[in-house]
Amino acid sequence: MNQSACEANLFPFSKTRHVAECRVGILTISEKWKKLLPANSQIVLHQTGSENVLSLPANIIPTLGNIDYLLECAQNGDIPKASDEVRYIHHPWDLFQLNDWAIRKDFEYLTRDRISQSIKNAVVVNPENIFVEEGAVLLHCTLNASTGPIYIGKNAQIMEGSHIRGPFSLGENSVVKMGSTIYGGTSIGPWCVVGGEIKNSILFENSNKAHSGYLGDSVIGAWCNLGAGTSNSNVKNTGGEVLFSTNSGPISVGTKGGMLMGDYSRSAINTSFNTASVVGICCNVYGDGFAEKNIPDFTWGKERYQWQKALDHINNWKKMKNSELSQQEIAILEKWYNKQAS
């Protein structure tokens, strides 16, 4: 798949980031390459035909088990063949469908020849399958790694009464609030706050699901906030196939599929999302009943977000985490805002 087709198929997440900056497993794809590449090696994750530079598709997931094969393919100018060890991200729902597998693969090399920080004040099952980075704080929680590895990032915190089942990863400086219930296949990026019930889902960096409510088989972009009581359905009441809408028509993801939410989007308290919901970038979702299943970029309720108001609101949220919109971010958002208007 060429770069433009890959980006189009990975909306809404590829609208605001390079495909390789998508998180699947513990790390983003680009972070995986930095950890796995031999010294002095250089990979371009989208270009073809560049002289003296190895090139590979941006949507391939590197692992300890496939890195030699991928580098050999790049050296020979071949496209790696998909297999049990070589996985591609073709659609946004592939992120949550492959997340269990990707956490296990990342854990393998991130913890190799390293010693975890000691685990105190926590009930643990299979401690040999748990790795805790420096500065992390665990307070009277349960960590069950019998079903998969658990990775706790630097300076992260898991508050008392939380129950976590692997495979699971918690990013640097992120917080799991009191009484949370988190099931396997879940990745929480850095600087996030999570609570309630979460299963087989991914939060990119700087996002919050800090209160009660259910999040399952979903991907939440960066700088998002789910209001208290927000929940999504991930299974149809009929038990039938879940279909996500795409530009080329509906695509089945099997019997489980939750929500895809683009960067800078937020939901009001008690918002309910149906199966296979897609929320664009920079949306403020609120209203009676279930939210619309496909919400366009820059939506405010049922209206279009005013441009300056959208920037102001993003900056308000960024200030809470001692950050602010960069000129590059503004330029990317402006491109999509103007494109939507044309």
Protein backbone atom coordinates (compact mmCIF):
# COMPACT_ATOMS: atom_id res chain seq x y z
CA MET A 1 0.00 0.00 0.00
CA ASN A 2 1.47 3.40 -0.95
CA GLN A 3 1.74 6.20 1.58
CA SER A 4 -1.26 8.23 0.42
CA ALA A 5 -3.55 5.18 0.40
CA CYS A 6 -2.26 4.15 3.83
CA GLU A 7 -2.99 7.60 5.26
CA ALA A 8 -6.49 7.68 3.76
CA ASN A 9 -7.35 4.26 5.20
CA LEU A 10 -6.15 5.26 8.68
CA PHE A 11 -8.38 8.31 9.11
CA PRO A 12 -9.06 9.95 11.52
CA PHE A 13 -5.68 9.28 13.17
CA SER A 14 -3.47 9.89 10.14
CA LYS A 15 -4.98 13.35 9.62
CA THR A 16 -2.86 14.77 12.43
CA ARG A 17 0.17 12.44 12.52
CA HIS A 18 2.47 10.37 10.36
CA VAL A 19 1.23 6.78 10.15
CA ALA A 20 4.32 5.62 12.06
CA GLU A 21 3.31 7.82 15.01
CA CYS A 22 0.24 5.66 15.69
CA ARG A 23 0.44 3.71 18.95
CA VAL A 24 -0.07 -0.05 18.90
CA GLY A 25 1.24 -2.08 21.79
CA ILE A 26 3.44 -0.27 24.30
CA LEU A 27 5.11 2.05 21.76
CA THR A 28 4.32 3.90 18.56
CA ILE A 29 5.59 2.32 15.35
CA SER A 30 8.40 4.89 15.05
CA GLU A 31 9.43 4.31 18.69
CA LYS A 32 9.65 0.59 17.97
CA TRP A 33 12.05 1.24 15.10
CA LYS A 34 14.29 3.39 17.29
CA LYS A 35 14.53 0.58 19.84
CA LEU A 36 15.07 -2.24 17.33
CA LEU A 37 17.29 -0.76 14.61
CA PRO A 38 20.99 -1.62 14.75
CA ALA A 39 23.35 1.28 15.42
CA ASN A 40 23.92 3.59 12.44
CA SER A 41 21.01 2.10 10.49
CA GLN A 42 18.52 4.43 8.84
CA ILE A 43 15.02 3.61 7.68
CA VAL A 44 12.65 5.86 5.75
CA LEU A 45 9.10 4.81 6.54
CA HIS A 46 7.31 6.02 3.42
CA GLN A 47 9.63 6.93 0.57
CA THR A 48 10.71 4.69 -2.27
CA GLY A 49 13.65 5.02 -4.59
CA SER A 50 15.82 7.06 -2.22
CA GLU A 51 19.49 6.41 -2.75
CA ASN A 52 21.53 4.95 0.11
CA VAL A 53 18.48 4.79 2.38
CA LEU A 54 16.56 1.66 3.30
CA SER A 55 12.81 2.03 2.73
CA LEU A 56 9.86 0.16 4.23
CA PRO A 57 6.08 0.71 4.45
CA ALA A 58 5.14 3.02 7.32
CA ASN A 59 2.28 0.78 8.43
CA ILE A 60 4.35 -2.31 9.20
CA ILE A 61 4.92 -3.25 12.86
CA PRO A 62 8.56 -4.11 13.65
CA THR A 63 9.26 -6.71 16.36
CA LEU A 64 12.28 -8.51 17.76
CA GLY A 65 11.22 -11.57 15.81
CA ASN A 66 10.89 -9.89 12.40
CA ILE A 67 13.49 -7.12 12.43
CA ASP A 68 16.17 -9.09 10.56
CA TYR A 69 13.67 -10.10 7.87
CA LEU A 70 12.41 -6.52 7.50
CA LEU A 71 15.93 -5.15 7.12
CA GLU A 72 16.73 -7.82 4.55
CA CYS A 73 13.62 -6.87 2.58
CA ALA A 74 14.57 -3.20 2.74
CA GLN A 75 18.10 -3.99 1.55
CA ASN A 76 16.74 -5.94 -1.42
CA GLY A 77 13.97 -3.48 -2.22
CA ASP A 78 11.28 -6.03 -1.39
CA ILE A 79 7.95 -5.49 0.34
CA PRO A 80 7.73 -7.74 3.43
CA LYS A 81 5.04 -10.42 3.23
CA ALA A 82 2.38 -10.44 5.92
CA SER A 83 2.50 -13.45 8.25
CA ASP A 84 1.97 -14.41 11.89
CA GLU A 85 5.19 -12.52 12.68
CA VAL A 86 4.81 -9.65 10.17
CA ARG A 87 1.71 -7.53 10.74
CA TYR A 88 0.45 -4.41 8.97
CA ILE A 89 -1.92 -1.64 10.07
CA HIS A 90 -4.28 -1.23 7.10
CA HIS A 91 -7.28 0.29 8.91
CA PRO A 92 -7.70 2.14 12.21
CA TRP A 93 -9.49 -0.78 13.87
CA ASP A 94 -6.39 -2.91 13.22
CA LEU A 95 -4.82 -0.94 16.08
CA PHE A 96 -7.11 -2.41 18.74
CA GLN A 97 -7.36 -5.79 17.02
CA LEU A 98 -3.56 -6.21 17.04
CA ASN A 99 -2.90 -4.52 20.37
CA ASP A 100 -2.79 -7.68 22.51
CA TRP A 101 -0.20 -9.19 20.15
CA ALA A 102 1.79 -5.93 19.93
CA ILE A 103 2.01 -5.47 23.73
CA ARG A 104 3.51 -8.95 24.06
CA LYS A 105 6.04 -8.27 21.29
CA ASP A 106 7.10 -4.89 22.75
CA PHE A 107 7.41 -6.32 26.26
CA GLU A 108 9.81 -8.96 24.94
CA TYR A 109 12.55 -6.53 23.93
CA LEU A 110 11.81 -3.60 26.26
CA THR A 111 12.44 -5.80 29.31
CA ARG A 112 15.23 -7.99 27.92
CA ASP A 113 18.28 -8.07 30.24
CA ARG A 114 16.67 -5.50 32.53
CA ILE A 115 15.49 -5.68 36.14
CA SER A 116 12.08 -4.34 37.17
CA GLN A 117 11.66 -2.03 40.11
CA SER A 118 10.41 -3.91 43.16
CA ILE A 119 6.63 -4.19 43.50
CA LYS A 120 5.27 -3.15 46.89
CA ASN A 121 1.75 -2.57 48.20
CA ALA A 122 0.16 -4.56 45.36
CA VAL A 123 -1.31 -8.03 44.87
CA VAL A 124 0.45 -9.62 41.91
CA VAL A 125 -0.06 -12.79 39.87
CA ASN A 126 2.89 -13.97 37.74
CA PRO A 127 5.29 -11.23 38.89
CA GLU A 128 7.92 -12.47 36.43
CA ASN A 129 5.61 -11.17 33.68
CA ILE A 130 5.38 -7.66 35.17
CA PHE A 131 7.87 -4.83 34.60
CA VAL A 132 7.78 -1.58 36.55
CA GLU A 133 9.90 1.40 35.49
CA GLU A 134 11.65 3.78 37.86
CA GLY A 135 9.42 6.17 39.81
CA ALA A 136 6.17 4.28 39.26
CA VAL A 137 3.82 4.13 42.27
CA LEU A 138 1.47 1.17 42.89
CA LEU A 139 -0.98 1.53 45.77
CA HIS A 140 -2.97 -1.52 46.93
CA CYS A 141 -3.96 -2.58 43.43
CA THR A 142 -4.17 -5.99 41.73
CA LEU A 143 -1.91 -6.86 38.79
CA ASN A 144 -2.74 -10.18 37.13
CA ALA A 145 -0.17 -11.09 34.48
CA SER A 146 -1.30 -14.69 34.07
CA THR A 147 -3.06 -13.75 30.82
CA GLY A 148 -0.30 -11.52 29.43
CA PRO A 149 2.51 -9.13 30.39
CA ILE A 150 2.02 -5.89 32.29
CA TYR A 151 4.32 -2.92 31.68
CA ILE A 152 4.20 0.14 33.94
CA GLY A 153 6.02 3.21 32.61
CA LYS A 154 8.28 5.67 34.37
CA ASN A 155 6.59 7.83 37.05
CA ALA A 156 3.19 6.27 36.32
CA GLN A 157 0.69 5.72 39.12
CA ILE A 158 -1.96 3.08 39.81
CA MET A 159 -4.25 4.14 42.64
CA GLU A 160 -5.76 1.89 45.28
CA GLY A 161 -8.53 -0.55 44.49
CA SER A 162 -7.67 -0.86 40.79
CA HIS A 163 -7.72 -4.29 39.12
CA ILE A 164 -5.61 -4.81 36.02
CA ARG A 165 -5.29 -7.90 33.85
CA GLY A 166 -2.61 -8.25 31.17
CA PRO A 167 -1.56 -7.74 28.53
CA PHE A 168 -1.52 -4.09 29.58
CA SER A 169 0.76 -1.09 29.32
CA LEU A 170 0.66 2.21 31.17
CA GLY A 171 2.67 5.08 29.71
CA GLU A 172 5.09 7.42 31.41
CA ASN A 173 3.48 9.85 33.89
CA SER A 174 0.01 8.37 33.36
CA VAL A 175 -2.48 7.67 36.15
CA VAL A 176 -5.01 4.91 36.76
CA LYS A 177 -7.58 6.29 39.19
CA MET A 178 -9.10 4.53 42.19
CA GLY A 179 -11.27 1.48 41.64
CA SER A 180 -10.56 1.11 37.93
CA THR A 181 -11.13 -2.18 36.12
CA ILE A 182 -8.88 -2.73 33.11
CA TYR A 183 -8.83 -5.86 30.96
CA GLY A 184 -6.21 -7.17 28.58
CA GLY A 185 -5.24 -5.74 25.25
CA THR A 186 -5.22 -2.20 26.65
CA SER A 187 -2.51 0.42 26.10
CA ILE A 188 -2.53 3.78 27.84
CA GLY A 189 -0.12 6.32 26.34
CA PRO A 190 2.00 8.82 28.27
CA TRP A 191 0.44 11.64 30.31
CA CYS A 192 -3.04 10.10 30.33
CA VAL A 193 -5.59 9.75 33.15
CA VAL A 194 -7.95 6.76 33.10
CA GLY A 195 -10.70 5.32 35.27
CA GLY A 196 -13.84 3.19 35.10
CA GLU A 197 -13.87 0.06 32.95
CA ILE A 198 -11.58 -0.37 29.92
CA LYS A 199 -11.05 -3.39 27.70
CA ASN A 200 -8.87 -3.97 24.62
CA SER A 201 -8.46 -0.27 23.86
CA ILE A 202 -5.73 2.25 23.12
CA LEU A 203 -5.38 5.84 24.31
CA PHE A 204 -2.78 7.95 22.54
CA GLU A 205 -0.83 10.53 24.55
CA ASN A 206 -2.34 13.25 26.80
CA SER A 207 -5.90 11.90 26.74
CA ASN A 208 -8.33 11.34 29.60
CA LYS A 209 -11.02 8.82 30.42
CA ALA A 210 -10.88 9.73 34.07
CA HIS A 211 -14.30 8.64 35.33
CA SER A 212 -16.82 5.82 35.33
CA GLY A 213 -18.11 4.43 32.07
CA TYR A 214 -17.08 1.68 29.66
CA LEU A 215 -14.52 1.87 26.84
CA GLY A 216 -14.08 -1.29 24.80
CA ASP A 217 -12.43 -2.28 21.50
CA SER A 218 -11.69 1.37 20.80
CA VAL A 219 -8.92 3.80 19.90
CA ILE A 220 -8.82 7.31 21.35
CA GLY A 221 -6.46 9.88 19.81
CA ALA A 222 -4.26 12.47 21.52
CA TRP A 223 -5.58 15.36 23.64
CA CYS A 224 -9.05 13.82 23.93
CA ASN A 225 -11.34 13.87 26.96
CA LEU A 226 -14.26 11.56 27.70
CA GLY A 227 -16.69 13.15 30.15
CA ALA A 228 -17.89 11.31 33.26
CA GLY A 229 -20.20 8.42 32.42
CA THR A 230 -19.24 8.29 28.75
CA SER A 231 -19.59 4.73 27.45
CA ASN A 232 -19.41 2.96 24.12
CA SER A 233 -21.04 -0.18 22.80
CA ASN A 234 -18.67 -2.69 21.24
CA VAL A 235 -21.13 -5.52 20.50
CA LYS A 236 -24.47 -5.34 18.67
CA ASN A 237 -27.51 -6.56 20.60
CA THR A 238 -28.15 -8.96 17.74
CA GLY A 239 -24.68 -10.45 18.11
CA GLY A 240 -24.18 -9.73 14.41
CA GLU A 241 -21.26 -8.31 12.46
CA VAL A 242 -20.03 -4.84 13.36
CA LEU A 243 -19.57 -2.63 10.29
CA PHE A 244 -17.43 0.51 10.21
CA SER A 245 -18.29 3.05 7.51
CA THR A 246 -15.46 3.95 5.12
CA ASN A 247 -15.14 5.90 1.87
CA SER A 248 -15.23 2.61 0.00
CA GLY A 249 -18.30 1.34 1.86
CA PRO A 250 -18.99 -0.56 5.09
CA ILE A 251 -16.31 -2.99 6.29
CA SER A 252 -16.90 -5.78 8.79
CA VAL A 253 -14.54 -6.00 11.77
CA GLY A 254 -16.12 -9.17 13.18
CA THR A 255 -18.46 -9.16 16.14
CA LYS A 256 -16.63 -6.56 18.26
CA GLY A 257 -15.88 -2.95 17.39
CA GLY A 258 -16.23 0.15 19.54
CA MET A 259 -15.21 3.74 18.86
CA LEU A 260 -12.49 5.56 16.91
CA MET A 261 -11.96 9.14 18.12
CA GLY A 262 -9.61 11.58 16.38
CA ASP A 263 -7.23 13.97 18.13
CA TYR A 264 -8.50 16.97 20.14
CA SER A 265 -12.04 15.61 20.46
CA ARG A 266 -14.18 15.49 23.61
CA SER A 267 -17.47 14.10 24.86
CA ALA A 268 -19.87 15.56 27.43
CA ILE A 269 -20.90 13.68 30.57
CA ASN A 270 -23.02 10.55 30.02
CA THR A 271 -22.43 10.51 26.28
CA SER A 272 -23.34 7.16 24.70
CA PHE A 273 -21.59 5.90 21.57
CA ASN A 274 -22.92 3.06 19.46
CA THR A 275 -20.89 0.22 17.98
CA ALA A 276 -18.55 1.24 15.14
CA SER A 277 -18.68 4.96 15.92
CA VAL A 278 -16.13 7.28 14.29
CA VAL A 279 -15.49 10.76 15.70
CA GLY A 280 -13.36 13.11 13.62
CA ILE A 281 -10.67 15.48 14.83
CA CYS A 282 -11.50 18.46 17.03
CA CYS A 283 -15.11 17.61 17.92
CA ASN A 284 -17.21 18.49 20.97
CA VAL A 285 -19.80 15.71 21.24
CA TYR A 286 -22.97 16.27 23.25
CA GLY A 287 -26.74 15.87 22.94
CA ASP A 288 -29.65 13.62 23.84
CA GLY A 289 -29.64 9.90 23.15
CA PHE A 290 -26.89 8.10 21.27
CA ALA A 291 -24.32 10.24 19.50
CA GLU A 292 -24.23 10.07 15.71
CA LYS A 293 -22.16 7.09 14.52
CA ASN A 294 -20.06 9.16 12.10
CA ILE A 295 -19.21 12.65 13.32
CA PRO A 296 -17.32 14.92 10.90
CA ASP A 297 -14.21 16.86 11.88
CA PHE A 298 -14.77 20.17 13.69
CA THR A 299 -18.27 19.37 14.93
CA TRP A 300 -19.73 21.29 17.89
CA GLY A 301 -22.90 19.45 18.93
CA LYS A 302 -24.71 19.51 15.59
CA GLU A 303 -22.99 22.62 14.26
CA ARG A 304 -19.60 23.44 12.81
CA TYR A 305 -16.91 24.47 15.27
CA GLN A 306 -15.86 28.10 14.83
CA TRP A 307 -12.17 28.15 13.94
CA GLN A 308 -10.86 30.43 16.68
CA LYS A 309 -13.11 28.83 19.29
CA ALA A 310 -11.70 25.42 18.35
CA LEU A 311 -8.11 26.63 18.84
CA ASP A 312 -8.96 28.37 22.10
CA HIS A 313 -10.59 25.26 23.53
CA ILE A 314 -7.69 23.01 22.55
CA ASN A 315 -5.29 25.44 24.20
CA ASN A 316 -7.42 25.47 27.35
CA TRP A 317 -7.03 21.71 27.62
CA LYS A 318 -3.34 21.88 26.80
CA LYS A 319 -2.73 24.40 29.56
CA MET A 320 -3.96 21.82 32.08
CA LYS A 321 -0.92 19.76 31.15
CA ASN A 322 1.50 22.67 30.84
CA SER A 323 1.47 22.67 27.05
CA GLU A 324 0.16 24.77 24.16
CA LEU A 325 -0.66 24.42 20.48
CA SER A 326 2.37 24.60 18.23
CA GLN A 327 2.42 26.39 14.89
CA GLN A 328 2.81 23.02 13.19
CA GLU A 329 -0.32 21.69 14.90
CA ILE A 330 -2.28 24.80 13.94
CA ALA A 331 -1.17 24.47 10.32
CA ILE A 332 -2.32 20.85 10.17
CA LEU A 333 -5.69 21.66 11.74
CA GLU A 334 -6.16 24.65 9.43
CA LYS A 335 -5.53 22.46 6.38
CA TRP A 336 -8.33 20.08 7.36
CA TYR A 337 -10.65 22.89 8.47
CA ASN A 338 -10.32 24.63 5.10
CA LYS A 339 -10.58 21.37 3.19
CA GLN A 340 -13.84 20.57 4.95
CA ALA A 341 -15.24 23.98 3.94
CA SER A 342 -14.32 23.63 0.27
